Amino acid sequence: MPEPSVQDWVQRTLADAMGRAEPPAEPLVLLEQAGVRFGDVQALRGVSLTLRRGDRLARVGANGSGKTTLLRLLHGLVPFEGRRDVVAIIGRVPVVAMLFQRPFLLSLSVRWNVLLGLWLHGVPRAQRDRRCQRALQRVGLDALAGFGRAASEVGAVMIVGGNIEGVTRVMTTTIALETSKGDLPLALALGVILIAIVLSLNALAYVLREWAVKRH
């Protein structure tokens, strides 16, 4: 009896795999003959698409071909024609989120941007810190966020004050005091030390960020 060829083996393997194929996952977002129009311009026409749980969709096309418009349509961010459904799974409607090409972040720490999003989403105050920490851990930013929080608190003390009367004096207050007394060399030296501390903290934050990125 002749040995089976590689082609026969591949065909049998594919046939076995198709025979044991699992049923498709639950649909999450459905489009049926959907279209988007901007004034007289028909940006999308007759789009039918089903995104299922676990799917990864890659869109490739030239500038102006409608990639971003399709994303906005999937997220319900533009007026459209046709049908768009977001399907509830086990009685819960999936949360849909979109990361824009240009991120809109406030000039705050990562932690505060996440907390703001949780607040806007209606998450109870008692749950925000825990969910924020869990989200930062998921992307490897928990250590860096913790360091940034500590550094910002130290920076606030250094800038605003924080003297214990008769016991301590923060560097900014000392610099101002020595300048008013006319001791410019000491004030300049303290200023250089303060700048060195700030640069060192920034360098350490950069190293921690690179380490977190490489770890994940």
N, C-alpha and C. Protein backbone atom coordinates (compact mmCIF):
# COMPACT_ATOMS: atom_id res chain seq x y z
N MET A 1 0.86 -1.19 0.00
CA MET A 1 0.00 0.00 0.00
C MET A 1 0.90 1.24 0.00
N PRO A 2 0.71 2.17 -0.94
CA PRO A 2 1.59 3.33 -1.03
C PRO A 2 1.42 4.25 0.16
N GLU A 3 2.54 4.90 0.53
CA GLU A 3 2.50 5.86 1.63
C GLU A 3 1.68 7.09 1.20
N PRO A 4 0.88 7.65 2.10
CA PRO A 4 0.12 8.85 1.73
C PRO A 4 1.06 10.03 1.49
N SER A 5 0.72 10.83 0.51
CA SER A 5 1.54 12.00 0.21
C SER A 5 1.28 13.11 1.23
N VAL A 6 2.14 14.12 1.19
CA VAL A 6 1.96 15.27 2.08
C VAL A 6 0.64 15.97 1.79
N GLN A 7 0.29 16.05 0.49
CA GLN A 7 -0.96 16.69 0.11
C GLN A 7 -2.15 15.96 0.70
N ASP A 8 -2.12 14.60 0.64
CA ASP A 8 -3.21 13.82 1.23
C ASP A 8 -3.31 14.06 2.73
N TRP A 9 -2.15 14.12 3.39
CA TRP A 9 -2.15 14.33 4.83
C TRP A 9 -2.72 15.70 5.19
N VAL A 10 -2.35 16.74 4.42
CA VAL A 10 -2.86 18.08 4.67
C VAL A 10 -4.37 18.12 4.47
N GLN A 11 -4.84 17.49 3.39
CA GLN A 11 -6.28 17.50 3.11
C GLN A 11 -7.05 16.80 4.22
N ARG A 12 -6.51 15.66 4.71
CA ARG A 12 -7.20 14.93 5.78
C ARG A 12 -7.21 15.76 7.07
N THR A 13 -6.09 16.42 7.34
CA THR A 13 -6.00 17.24 8.56
C THR A 13 -7.00 18.39 8.51
N LEU A 14 -7.11 19.05 7.35
CA LEU A 14 -8.08 20.14 7.20
C LEU A 14 -9.50 19.64 7.33
N ALA A 15 -9.77 18.48 6.73
CA ALA A 15 -11.11 17.91 6.82
C ALA A 15 -11.47 17.58 8.26
N ASP A 16 -10.50 17.01 9.01
CA ASP A 16 -10.75 16.69 10.42
C ASP A 16 -11.00 17.96 11.23
N ALA A 17 -10.19 18.99 10.95
CA ALA A 17 -10.34 20.24 11.69
C ALA A 17 -11.70 20.89 11.41
N MET A 18 -12.14 20.84 10.15
CA MET A 18 -13.43 21.43 9.81
C MET A 18 -14.56 20.63 10.43
N GLY A 19 -14.36 19.32 10.53
CA GLY A 19 -15.39 18.49 11.13
C GLY A 19 -15.52 18.74 12.61
N ARG A 20 -14.43 19.15 13.27
CA ARG A 20 -14.45 19.41 14.71
C ARG A 20 -14.54 20.89 15.02
N ALA A 21 -14.86 21.71 14.05
CA ALA A 21 -14.89 23.16 14.26
C ALA A 21 -15.95 23.53 15.31
N GLU A 22 -15.57 24.46 16.20
CA GLU A 22 -16.49 24.91 17.23
C GLU A 22 -17.53 25.85 16.62
N PRO A 23 -18.68 25.92 17.24
CA PRO A 23 -19.69 26.86 16.73
C PRO A 23 -19.18 28.29 16.86
N PRO A 24 -19.61 29.19 15.98
CA PRO A 24 -19.13 30.57 16.03
C PRO A 24 -19.49 31.24 17.35
N ALA A 25 -18.62 32.17 17.77
CA ALA A 25 -18.85 32.88 19.02
C ALA A 25 -20.05 33.82 18.88
N GLU A 26 -20.49 34.32 20.03
CA GLU A 26 -21.66 35.19 20.03
C GLU A 26 -21.35 36.49 19.29
N PRO A 27 -22.29 36.99 18.49
CA PRO A 27 -22.08 38.29 17.84
C PRO A 27 -22.16 39.42 18.87
N LEU A 28 -21.33 40.44 18.67
CA LEU A 28 -21.33 41.60 19.55
C LEU A 28 -21.92 42.83 18.86
N VAL A 29 -21.45 43.10 17.64
CA VAL A 29 -21.91 44.26 16.88
C VAL A 29 -22.28 43.80 15.48
N LEU A 30 -23.45 44.20 15.00
CA LEU A 30 -23.90 43.83 13.66
C LEU A 30 -24.22 45.08 12.86
N LEU A 31 -23.76 45.10 11.62
CA LEU A 31 -24.14 46.13 10.65
C LEU A 31 -24.82 45.43 9.49
N GLU A 32 -25.92 46.04 9.02
CA GLU A 32 -26.63 45.47 7.88
C GLU A 32 -27.02 46.60 6.94
N GLN A 33 -26.41 46.57 5.73
CA GLN A 33 -26.67 47.59 4.71
C GLN A 33 -26.58 49.01 5.30
N ALA A 34 -25.53 49.21 6.10
CA ALA A 34 -25.35 50.50 6.76
C ALA A 34 -24.58 51.46 5.86
N GLY A 35 -24.87 52.73 6.00
CA GLY A 35 -24.19 53.74 5.22
C GLY A 35 -24.05 55.03 6.01
N VAL A 36 -23.06 55.83 5.62
CA VAL A 36 -22.81 57.11 6.27
C VAL A 36 -22.65 58.17 5.19
N ARG A 37 -23.31 59.29 5.39
CA ARG A 37 -23.25 60.38 4.42
C ARG A 37 -22.86 61.67 5.13
N PHE A 38 -21.90 62.39 4.55
CA PHE A 38 -21.52 63.72 5.03
C PHE A 38 -21.93 64.74 3.98
N GLY A 39 -23.09 65.33 4.16
CA GLY A 39 -23.60 66.25 3.15
C GLY A 39 -23.88 65.51 1.85
N ASP A 40 -23.23 65.94 0.76
CA ASP A 40 -23.41 65.29 -0.54
C ASP A 40 -22.46 64.12 -0.74
N VAL A 41 -21.56 63.89 0.22
CA VAL A 41 -20.55 62.83 0.07
C VAL A 41 -21.04 61.55 0.75
N GLN A 42 -21.10 60.47 -0.03
CA GLN A 42 -21.46 59.17 0.51
C GLN A 42 -20.17 58.48 0.96
N ALA A 43 -19.88 58.54 2.27
CA ALA A 43 -18.63 58.00 2.78
C ALA A 43 -18.64 56.47 2.82
N LEU A 44 -19.77 55.88 3.21
CA LEU A 44 -19.91 54.43 3.26
C LEU A 44 -21.28 54.07 2.70
N ARG A 45 -21.34 52.92 2.02
CA ARG A 45 -22.61 52.49 1.44
C ARG A 45 -22.71 50.97 1.51
N GLY A 46 -23.85 50.48 2.00
CA GLY A 46 -24.15 49.06 1.96
C GLY A 46 -23.19 48.18 2.74
N VAL A 47 -22.77 48.61 3.93
CA VAL A 47 -21.82 47.83 4.73
C VAL A 47 -22.59 46.82 5.58
N SER A 48 -22.25 45.55 5.41
CA SER A 48 -22.82 44.49 6.25
C SER A 48 -21.66 43.77 6.93
N LEU A 49 -21.68 43.71 8.25
CA LEU A 49 -20.54 43.20 9.00
C LEU A 49 -21.01 42.67 10.34
N THR A 50 -20.43 41.56 10.77
CA THR A 50 -20.72 41.01 12.09
C THR A 50 -19.41 40.82 12.84
N LEU A 51 -19.28 41.46 13.99
CA LEU A 51 -18.12 41.28 14.85
C LEU A 51 -18.53 40.38 16.01
N ARG A 52 -17.76 39.29 16.17
CA ARG A 52 -18.08 38.33 17.21
C ARG A 52 -17.07 38.40 18.36
N ARG A 53 -17.41 37.81 19.43
CA ARG A 53 -16.54 37.79 20.60
C ARG A 53 -15.21 37.12 20.24
N GLY A 54 -14.11 37.81 20.55
CA GLY A 54 -12.79 37.27 20.24
C GLY A 54 -12.26 37.64 18.88
N ASP A 55 -13.08 38.29 18.03
CA ASP A 55 -12.63 38.67 16.69
C ASP A 55 -11.60 39.80 16.75
N ARG A 56 -10.70 39.80 15.76
CA ARG A 56 -9.78 40.90 15.54
C ARG A 56 -9.93 41.34 14.09
N LEU A 57 -10.29 42.58 13.90
CA LEU A 57 -10.55 43.10 12.56
C LEU A 57 -9.48 44.12 12.19
N ALA A 58 -8.80 43.91 11.07
CA ALA A 58 -7.81 44.85 10.56
C ALA A 58 -8.38 45.53 9.32
N ARG A 59 -8.28 46.85 9.29
CA ARG A 59 -8.78 47.62 8.15
C ARG A 59 -7.61 48.20 7.39
N VAL A 60 -7.56 47.96 6.11
CA VAL A 60 -6.47 48.45 5.25
C VAL A 60 -7.10 49.23 4.10
N GLY A 61 -6.56 50.42 3.84
CA GLY A 61 -7.10 51.20 2.74
C GLY A 61 -6.38 52.53 2.62
N ALA A 62 -6.59 53.17 1.49
CA ALA A 62 -5.95 54.46 1.24
C ALA A 62 -6.59 55.55 2.10
N ASN A 63 -5.91 56.70 2.18
CA ASN A 63 -6.48 57.84 2.88
C ASN A 63 -7.82 58.24 2.24
N GLY A 64 -8.81 58.45 3.08
CA GLY A 64 -10.11 58.84 2.57
C GLY A 64 -10.98 57.69 2.12
N SER A 65 -10.55 56.45 2.36
CA SER A 65 -11.34 55.30 1.91
C SER A 65 -12.46 54.93 2.87
N GLY A 66 -12.47 55.54 4.07
CA GLY A 66 -13.58 55.30 5.00
C GLY A 66 -13.23 54.45 6.22
N LYS A 67 -11.94 54.25 6.48
CA LYS A 67 -11.54 53.40 7.62
C LYS A 67 -12.03 53.99 8.94
N THR A 68 -11.71 55.27 9.16
CA THR A 68 -12.11 55.91 10.42
C THR A 68 -13.62 56.03 10.50
N THR A 69 -14.27 56.31 9.38
CA THR A 69 -15.73 56.42 9.38
C THR A 69 -16.37 55.08 9.76
N LEU A 70 -15.79 53.98 9.27
CA LEU A 70 -16.31 52.66 9.64
C LEU A 70 -16.15 52.42 11.14
N LEU A 71 -15.00 52.80 11.69
CA LEU A 71 -14.81 52.66 13.14
C LEU A 71 -15.85 53.46 13.91
N ARG A 72 -16.07 54.71 13.47
CA ARG A 72 -17.05 55.55 14.15
C ARG A 72 -18.46 54.97 14.00
N LEU A 73 -18.73 54.39 12.85
CA LEU A 73 -20.04 53.75 12.65
C LEU A 73 -20.21 52.57 13.60
N LEU A 74 -19.18 51.74 13.73
CA LEU A 74 -19.25 50.59 14.63
C LEU A 74 -19.51 51.02 16.07
N HIS A 75 -18.97 52.20 16.43
CA HIS A 75 -19.13 52.69 17.80
C HIS A 75 -20.35 53.59 17.97
N GLY A 76 -21.10 53.80 16.87
CA GLY A 76 -22.30 54.63 16.97
C GLY A 76 -22.04 56.10 17.17
N LEU A 77 -20.92 56.59 16.62
CA LEU A 77 -20.53 57.99 16.82
C LEU A 77 -20.94 58.90 15.68
N VAL A 78 -21.53 58.35 14.62
CA VAL A 78 -21.96 59.17 13.48
C VAL A 78 -23.38 58.77 13.09
N PRO A 79 -24.17 59.72 12.57
CA PRO A 79 -25.49 59.37 12.03
C PRO A 79 -25.32 58.40 10.85
N PHE A 80 -26.21 57.45 10.73
CA PHE A 80 -26.05 56.42 9.69
C PHE A 80 -27.41 55.98 9.16
N GLU A 81 -27.35 55.32 8.02
CA GLU A 81 -28.51 54.68 7.43
C GLU A 81 -28.37 53.18 7.61
N GLY A 82 -29.47 52.46 7.54
CA GLY A 82 -29.40 51.01 7.67
C GLY A 82 -29.55 50.57 9.11
N ARG A 83 -28.90 49.46 9.42
CA ARG A 83 -29.11 48.84 10.74
C ARG A 83 -27.78 48.65 11.46
N ARG A 84 -27.77 48.98 12.74
CA ARG A 84 -26.62 48.73 13.62
C ARG A 84 -27.16 48.20 14.95
N ASP A 85 -26.69 47.03 15.37
CA ASP A 85 -27.14 46.43 16.62
C ASP A 85 -25.94 46.09 17.49
N VAL A 86 -26.03 46.41 18.77
CA VAL A 86 -25.08 45.94 19.78
C VAL A 86 -25.81 44.91 20.61
N VAL A 87 -25.33 43.66 20.58
CA VAL A 87 -26.07 42.53 21.14
C VAL A 87 -25.69 42.31 22.59
N ALA A 88 -26.69 42.18 23.45
CA ALA A 88 -26.46 41.90 24.86
C ALA A 88 -26.07 40.43 25.04
N ILE A 89 -25.09 40.18 25.89
CA ILE A 89 -24.64 38.82 26.21
C ILE A 89 -24.96 38.56 27.67
N ILE A 90 -25.69 37.52 27.93
CA ILE A 90 -26.12 37.15 29.28
C ILE A 90 -26.77 38.37 29.96
N GLY A 91 -27.62 39.05 29.19
CA GLY A 91 -28.36 40.17 29.75
C GLY A 91 -27.58 41.46 29.92
N ARG A 92 -26.33 41.50 29.44
CA ARG A 92 -25.51 42.71 29.63
C ARG A 92 -25.03 43.21 28.27
N VAL A 93 -25.29 44.48 27.99
CA VAL A 93 -24.84 45.08 26.73
C VAL A 93 -23.34 45.32 26.81
N PRO A 94 -22.56 44.88 25.80
CA PRO A 94 -21.10 45.09 25.85
C PRO A 94 -20.73 46.56 25.88
N VAL A 95 -19.64 46.86 26.59
CA VAL A 95 -19.12 48.22 26.63
C VAL A 95 -18.26 48.44 25.39
N VAL A 96 -18.57 49.47 24.63
CA VAL A 96 -17.84 49.78 23.40
C VAL A 96 -16.97 51.00 23.64
N ALA A 97 -15.69 50.90 23.32
CA ALA A 97 -14.77 52.02 23.52
C ALA A 97 -13.90 52.18 22.28
N MET A 98 -13.51 53.41 22.00
CA MET A 98 -12.71 53.69 20.81
C MET A 98 -11.50 54.52 21.21
N LEU A 99 -10.32 54.12 20.73
CA LEU A 99 -9.10 54.89 20.94
C LEU A 99 -8.86 55.71 19.68
N PHE A 100 -8.95 57.02 19.80
CA PHE A 100 -8.82 57.89 18.64
C PHE A 100 -7.36 58.00 18.21
N GLN A 101 -7.17 58.42 16.96
CA GLN A 101 -5.82 58.59 16.44
C GLN A 101 -5.05 59.63 17.23
N ARG A 102 -5.73 60.67 17.66
CA ARG A 102 -5.12 61.68 18.52
C ARG A 102 -5.76 61.57 19.90
N PRO A 103 -5.03 61.05 20.88
CA PRO A 103 -5.63 60.85 22.20
C PRO A 103 -5.97 62.18 22.87
N PHE A 104 -7.13 62.22 23.48
CA PHE A 104 -7.58 63.41 24.19
C PHE A 104 -7.41 63.15 25.68
N LEU A 105 -6.24 63.53 26.22
CA LEU A 105 -5.94 63.34 27.63
C LEU A 105 -5.74 64.71 28.28
N LEU A 106 -6.15 64.79 29.54
CA LEU A 106 -5.92 66.00 30.30
C LEU A 106 -4.48 66.04 30.79
N SER A 107 -4.02 67.23 31.16
CA SER A 107 -2.64 67.37 31.65
C SER A 107 -2.57 66.92 33.10
N LEU A 108 -2.87 65.64 33.29
CA LEU A 108 -2.86 65.01 34.61
C LEU A 108 -2.05 63.73 34.51
N SER A 109 -1.88 63.07 35.63
CA SER A 109 -1.20 61.78 35.62
C SER A 109 -2.07 60.73 34.95
N VAL A 110 -1.46 59.60 34.60
CA VAL A 110 -2.22 58.49 34.02
C VAL A 110 -3.33 58.07 34.97
N ARG A 111 -2.98 57.99 36.25
CA ARG A 111 -3.96 57.55 37.25
C ARG A 111 -5.19 58.45 37.27
N TRP A 112 -4.98 59.77 37.24
CA TRP A 112 -6.12 60.68 37.31
C TRP A 112 -6.93 60.66 36.03
N ASN A 113 -6.29 60.44 34.89
CA ASN A 113 -7.05 60.29 33.64
C ASN A 113 -7.94 59.06 33.69
N VAL A 114 -7.42 57.96 34.26
CA VAL A 114 -8.22 56.73 34.39
C VAL A 114 -9.37 56.96 35.37
N LEU A 115 -9.07 57.61 36.51
CA LEU A 115 -10.12 57.88 37.49
C LEU A 115 -11.22 58.77 36.91
N LEU A 116 -10.82 59.74 36.10
CA LEU A 116 -11.81 60.61 35.46
C LEU A 116 -12.74 59.80 34.55
N GLY A 117 -12.15 58.88 33.76
CA GLY A 117 -12.97 58.03 32.89
C GLY A 117 -13.94 57.17 33.68
N LEU A 118 -13.48 56.63 34.81
CA LEU A 118 -14.36 55.82 35.65
C LEU A 118 -15.50 56.67 36.23
N TRP A 119 -15.17 57.91 36.62
CA TRP A 119 -16.21 58.81 37.14
C TRP A 119 -17.24 59.14 36.07
N LEU A 120 -16.77 59.44 34.86
CA LEU A 120 -17.70 59.75 33.77
C LEU A 120 -18.56 58.54 33.42
N HIS A 121 -18.01 57.34 33.62
CA HIS A 121 -18.75 56.13 33.30
C HIS A 121 -19.73 55.74 34.42
N GLY A 122 -19.74 56.52 35.51
CA GLY A 122 -20.69 56.26 36.58
C GLY A 122 -20.27 55.22 37.58
N VAL A 123 -18.98 54.91 37.64
CA VAL A 123 -18.49 53.92 38.61
C VAL A 123 -18.56 54.52 40.01
N PRO A 124 -19.11 53.82 40.99
CA PRO A 124 -19.19 54.37 42.36
C PRO A 124 -17.81 54.73 42.90
N ARG A 125 -17.77 55.75 43.72
CA ARG A 125 -16.49 56.26 44.24
C ARG A 125 -15.71 55.19 44.98
N ALA A 126 -16.41 54.34 45.73
CA ALA A 126 -15.73 53.32 46.53
C ALA A 126 -15.00 52.29 45.66
N GLN A 127 -15.39 52.16 44.40
CA GLN A 127 -14.79 51.16 43.51
C GLN A 127 -13.70 51.73 42.60
N ARG A 128 -13.58 53.06 42.53
CA ARG A 128 -12.72 53.66 41.50
C ARG A 128 -11.25 53.33 41.70
N ASP A 129 -10.75 53.46 42.92
CA ASP A 129 -9.33 53.19 43.15
C ASP A 129 -8.96 51.76 42.80
N ARG A 130 -9.80 50.81 43.22
CA ARG A 130 -9.51 49.40 42.95
C ARG A 130 -9.54 49.12 41.46
N ARG A 131 -10.54 49.64 40.76
CA ARG A 131 -10.63 49.39 39.32
C ARG A 131 -9.54 50.12 38.55
N CYS A 132 -9.15 51.30 39.01
CA CYS A 132 -8.05 52.03 38.39
C CYS A 132 -6.76 51.24 38.53
N GLN A 133 -6.48 50.73 39.74
CA GLN A 133 -5.26 49.95 39.96
C GLN A 133 -5.24 48.69 39.10
N ARG A 134 -6.40 48.05 38.98
CA ARG A 134 -6.48 46.83 38.16
C ARG A 134 -6.24 47.14 36.69
N ALA A 135 -6.77 48.27 36.20
CA ALA A 135 -6.56 48.65 34.81
C ALA A 135 -5.10 48.98 34.54
N LEU A 136 -4.45 49.67 35.47
CA LEU A 136 -3.04 50.01 35.29
C LEU A 136 -2.16 48.76 35.34
N GLN A 137 -2.50 47.80 36.20
CA GLN A 137 -1.75 46.54 36.26
C GLN A 137 -1.87 45.78 34.95
N ARG A 138 -3.03 45.84 34.33
CA ARG A 138 -3.26 45.10 33.08
C ARG A 138 -2.31 45.55 31.98
N VAL A 139 -1.94 46.83 31.96
CA VAL A 139 -1.06 47.35 30.91
C VAL A 139 0.35 47.63 31.42
N GLY A 140 0.66 47.20 32.65
CA GLY A 140 2.01 47.33 33.16
C GLY A 140 2.40 48.72 33.60
N LEU A 141 1.44 49.56 33.98
CA LEU A 141 1.74 50.93 34.39
C LEU A 141 1.53 51.17 35.88
N ASP A 142 1.25 50.11 36.65
CA ASP A 142 0.93 50.31 38.05
C ASP A 142 2.12 50.85 38.85
N ALA A 143 3.32 50.29 38.60
CA ALA A 143 4.50 50.74 39.33
C ALA A 143 4.83 52.19 38.99
N LEU A 144 4.77 52.51 37.69
CA LEU A 144 5.08 53.87 37.26
C LEU A 144 4.05 54.86 37.78
N ALA A 145 2.78 54.47 37.79
CA ALA A 145 1.74 55.36 38.29
C ALA A 145 1.91 55.62 39.78
N GLY A 146 2.29 54.57 40.54
CA GLY A 146 2.53 54.74 41.97
C GLY A 146 3.69 55.67 42.24
N PHE A 147 4.76 55.52 41.45
CA PHE A 147 5.91 56.41 41.59
C PHE A 147 5.53 57.84 41.23
N GLY A 148 4.77 58.00 40.14
CA GLY A 148 4.35 59.33 39.72
C GLY A 148 3.50 60.01 40.78
N ARG A 149 2.64 59.22 41.44
CA ARG A 149 1.79 59.79 42.48
C ARG A 149 2.64 60.29 43.65
N ALA A 150 3.61 59.46 44.07
CA ALA A 150 4.48 59.87 45.17
C ALA A 150 5.32 61.09 44.80
N ALA A 151 5.86 61.08 43.56
CA ALA A 151 6.70 62.19 43.13
C ALA A 151 5.89 63.48 43.04
N SER A 152 4.64 63.39 42.58
CA SER A 152 3.82 64.60 42.47
C SER A 152 3.50 65.17 43.84
N GLU A 153 3.29 64.27 44.83
CA GLU A 153 3.02 64.76 46.18
C GLU A 153 4.25 65.43 46.78
N VAL A 154 5.43 64.81 46.54
CA VAL A 154 6.68 65.43 47.00
C VAL A 154 6.88 66.78 46.30
N GLY A 155 6.61 66.81 44.98
CA GLY A 155 6.76 68.05 44.24
C GLY A 155 5.83 69.13 44.75
N ALA A 156 4.59 68.74 45.12
CA ALA A 156 3.65 69.71 45.65
C ALA A 156 4.15 70.31 46.95
N VAL A 157 4.73 69.46 47.80
CA VAL A 157 5.29 69.94 49.06
C VAL A 157 6.44 70.90 48.80
N MET A 158 7.31 70.53 47.82
CA MET A 158 8.47 71.36 47.52
C MET A 158 8.05 72.71 46.97
N ILE A 159 6.95 72.74 46.18
CA ILE A 159 6.53 73.98 45.55
C ILE A 159 5.69 74.84 46.50
N VAL A 160 4.69 74.21 47.16
CA VAL A 160 3.76 74.96 47.98
C VAL A 160 4.35 75.32 49.34
N GLY A 161 5.10 74.41 49.92
CA GLY A 161 5.66 74.65 51.25
C GLY A 161 5.78 73.34 51.99
N GLY A 162 5.40 73.34 53.23
CA GLY A 162 5.48 72.12 54.00
C GLY A 162 6.47 72.25 55.14
N ASN A 163 6.83 73.46 55.50
CA ASN A 163 7.76 73.67 56.61
C ASN A 163 7.11 73.31 57.94
N ILE A 164 7.87 72.67 58.79
CA ILE A 164 7.49 72.49 60.18
C ILE A 164 8.22 73.57 60.97
N GLU A 165 7.48 74.48 61.56
CA GLU A 165 8.08 75.68 62.14
C GLU A 165 9.17 75.33 63.16
N GLY A 166 10.34 75.87 62.95
CA GLY A 166 11.45 75.66 63.86
C GLY A 166 12.16 74.34 63.68
N VAL A 167 11.68 73.50 62.74
CA VAL A 167 12.29 72.17 62.58
C VAL A 167 12.80 71.97 61.16
N THR A 168 11.97 72.23 60.16
CA THR A 168 12.36 71.98 58.76
C THR A 168 12.09 73.21 57.92
N ARG A 169 12.72 73.23 56.74
CA ARG A 169 12.45 74.28 55.76
C ARG A 169 12.66 73.65 54.39
N VAL A 170 11.67 73.74 53.50
CA VAL A 170 11.80 73.14 52.18
C VAL A 170 12.73 74.00 51.32
N MET A 171 13.24 73.40 50.24
CA MET A 171 14.31 74.03 49.47
C MET A 171 13.85 75.32 48.81
N THR A 172 12.62 75.33 48.29
CA THR A 172 12.16 76.55 47.61
C THR A 172 12.07 77.71 48.58
N THR A 173 11.58 77.45 49.80
CA THR A 173 11.51 78.51 50.81
C THR A 173 12.90 78.99 51.18
N THR A 174 13.84 78.05 51.32
CA THR A 174 15.22 78.40 51.68
C THR A 174 15.86 79.25 50.59
N ILE A 175 15.62 78.87 49.32
CA ILE A 175 16.20 79.65 48.21
C ILE A 175 15.68 81.09 48.25
N ALA A 176 14.36 81.23 48.45
CA ALA A 176 13.78 82.58 48.52
C ALA A 176 14.34 83.36 49.70
N LEU A 177 14.49 82.67 50.84
CA LEU A 177 15.00 83.33 52.04
C LEU A 177 16.44 83.78 51.87
N GLU A 178 17.28 82.88 51.34
CA GLU A 178 18.70 83.23 51.17
C GLU A 178 18.88 84.33 50.12
N THR A 179 18.02 84.33 49.11
CA THR A 179 18.10 85.40 48.11
C THR A 179 17.75 86.74 48.74
N SER A 180 16.70 86.75 49.58
CA SER A 180 16.32 88.00 50.24
C SER A 180 17.39 88.48 51.21
N LYS A 181 18.19 87.53 51.75
CA LYS A 181 19.28 87.90 52.68
C LYS A 181 20.53 88.32 51.92
N GLY A 182 20.54 88.13 50.60
CA GLY A 182 21.69 88.52 49.80
C GLY A 182 22.74 87.44 49.63
N ASP A 183 22.44 86.23 50.11
CA ASP A 183 23.41 85.13 49.97
C ASP A 183 23.14 84.41 48.64
N LEU A 184 23.51 85.08 47.55
CA LEU A 184 23.21 84.54 46.22
C LEU A 184 23.95 83.23 45.92
N PRO A 185 25.24 83.08 46.30
CA PRO A 185 25.91 81.80 46.02
C PRO A 185 25.18 80.60 46.62
N LEU A 186 24.72 80.72 47.87
CA LEU A 186 24.00 79.61 48.50
C LEU A 186 22.66 79.38 47.80
N ALA A 187 21.97 80.47 47.45
CA ALA A 187 20.69 80.33 46.76
C ALA A 187 20.87 79.64 45.41
N LEU A 188 21.93 80.05 44.66
CA LEU A 188 22.19 79.41 43.36
C LEU A 188 22.55 77.95 43.52
N ALA A 189 23.35 77.65 44.54
CA ALA A 189 23.74 76.25 44.77
C ALA A 189 22.53 75.40 45.09
N LEU A 190 21.64 75.91 45.93
CA LEU A 190 20.42 75.17 46.25
C LEU A 190 19.53 75.01 45.02
N GLY A 191 19.49 76.03 44.15
CA GLY A 191 18.72 75.93 42.92
C GLY A 191 19.24 74.85 42.01
N VAL A 192 20.59 74.76 41.91
CA VAL A 192 21.20 73.71 41.09
C VAL A 192 20.86 72.34 41.66
N ILE A 193 20.92 72.20 42.99
CA ILE A 193 20.58 70.91 43.62
C ILE A 193 19.13 70.55 43.35
N LEU A 194 18.24 71.54 43.44
CA LEU A 194 16.82 71.28 43.19
C LEU A 194 16.60 70.84 41.75
N ILE A 195 17.27 71.50 40.79
CA ILE A 195 17.14 71.10 39.38
C ILE A 195 17.67 69.69 39.18
N ALA A 196 18.79 69.37 39.85
CA ALA A 196 19.36 68.02 39.72
C ALA A 196 18.40 66.96 40.25
N ILE A 197 17.71 67.29 41.36
CA ILE A 197 16.74 66.34 41.92
C ILE A 197 15.59 66.12 40.93
N VAL A 198 15.10 67.21 40.34
CA VAL A 198 13.98 67.11 39.39
C VAL A 198 14.39 66.28 38.17
N LEU A 199 15.61 66.55 37.64
CA LEU A 199 16.08 65.79 36.47
C LEU A 199 16.26 64.33 36.81
N SER A 200 16.76 64.04 38.01
CA SER A 200 16.95 62.64 38.43
C SER A 200 15.62 61.92 38.54
N LEU A 201 14.62 62.60 39.10
CA LEU A 201 13.29 61.98 39.20
C LEU A 201 12.70 61.71 37.83
N ASN A 202 12.87 62.65 36.90
CA ASN A 202 12.37 62.44 35.55
C ASN A 202 13.09 61.29 34.85
N ALA A 203 14.42 61.19 35.05
CA ALA A 203 15.18 60.09 34.46
C ALA A 203 14.73 58.76 35.02
N LEU A 204 14.50 58.72 36.34
CA LEU A 204 14.04 57.49 36.96
C LEU A 204 12.66 57.10 36.45
N ALA A 205 11.77 58.10 36.28
CA ALA A 205 10.44 57.80 35.74
C ALA A 205 10.54 57.25 34.32
N TYR A 206 11.46 57.80 33.52
CA TYR A 206 11.64 57.31 32.14
C TYR A 206 12.13 55.86 32.15
N VAL A 207 13.11 55.57 33.02
CA VAL A 207 13.64 54.20 33.09
C VAL A 207 12.55 53.23 33.52
N LEU A 208 11.74 53.62 34.50
CA LEU A 208 10.65 52.75 34.95
C LEU A 208 9.63 52.52 33.85
N ARG A 209 9.34 53.56 33.07
CA ARG A 209 8.38 53.41 31.98
C ARG A 209 8.91 52.45 30.92
N GLU A 210 10.20 52.60 30.54
CA GLU A 210 10.79 51.70 29.55
C GLU A 210 10.82 50.27 30.05
N TRP A 211 11.09 50.12 31.35
CA TRP A 211 11.11 48.77 31.93
C TRP A 211 9.72 48.14 31.90
N ALA A 212 8.70 48.97 32.20
CA ALA A 212 7.32 48.44 32.18
C ALA A 212 6.91 48.06 30.77
N VAL A 213 7.31 48.87 29.76
CA VAL A 213 6.98 48.57 28.37
C VAL A 213 7.64 47.27 27.92
N LYS A 214 8.92 47.09 28.26
CA LYS A 214 9.64 45.88 27.85
C LYS A 214 9.09 44.64 28.55
N ARG A 215 8.64 44.81 29.80
CA ARG A 215 8.12 43.67 30.55
C ARG A 215 6.83 43.16 29.95
N HIS A 216 6.08 44.07 29.30
CA HIS A 216 4.80 43.67 28.69
C HIS A 216 4.87 43.78 27.18
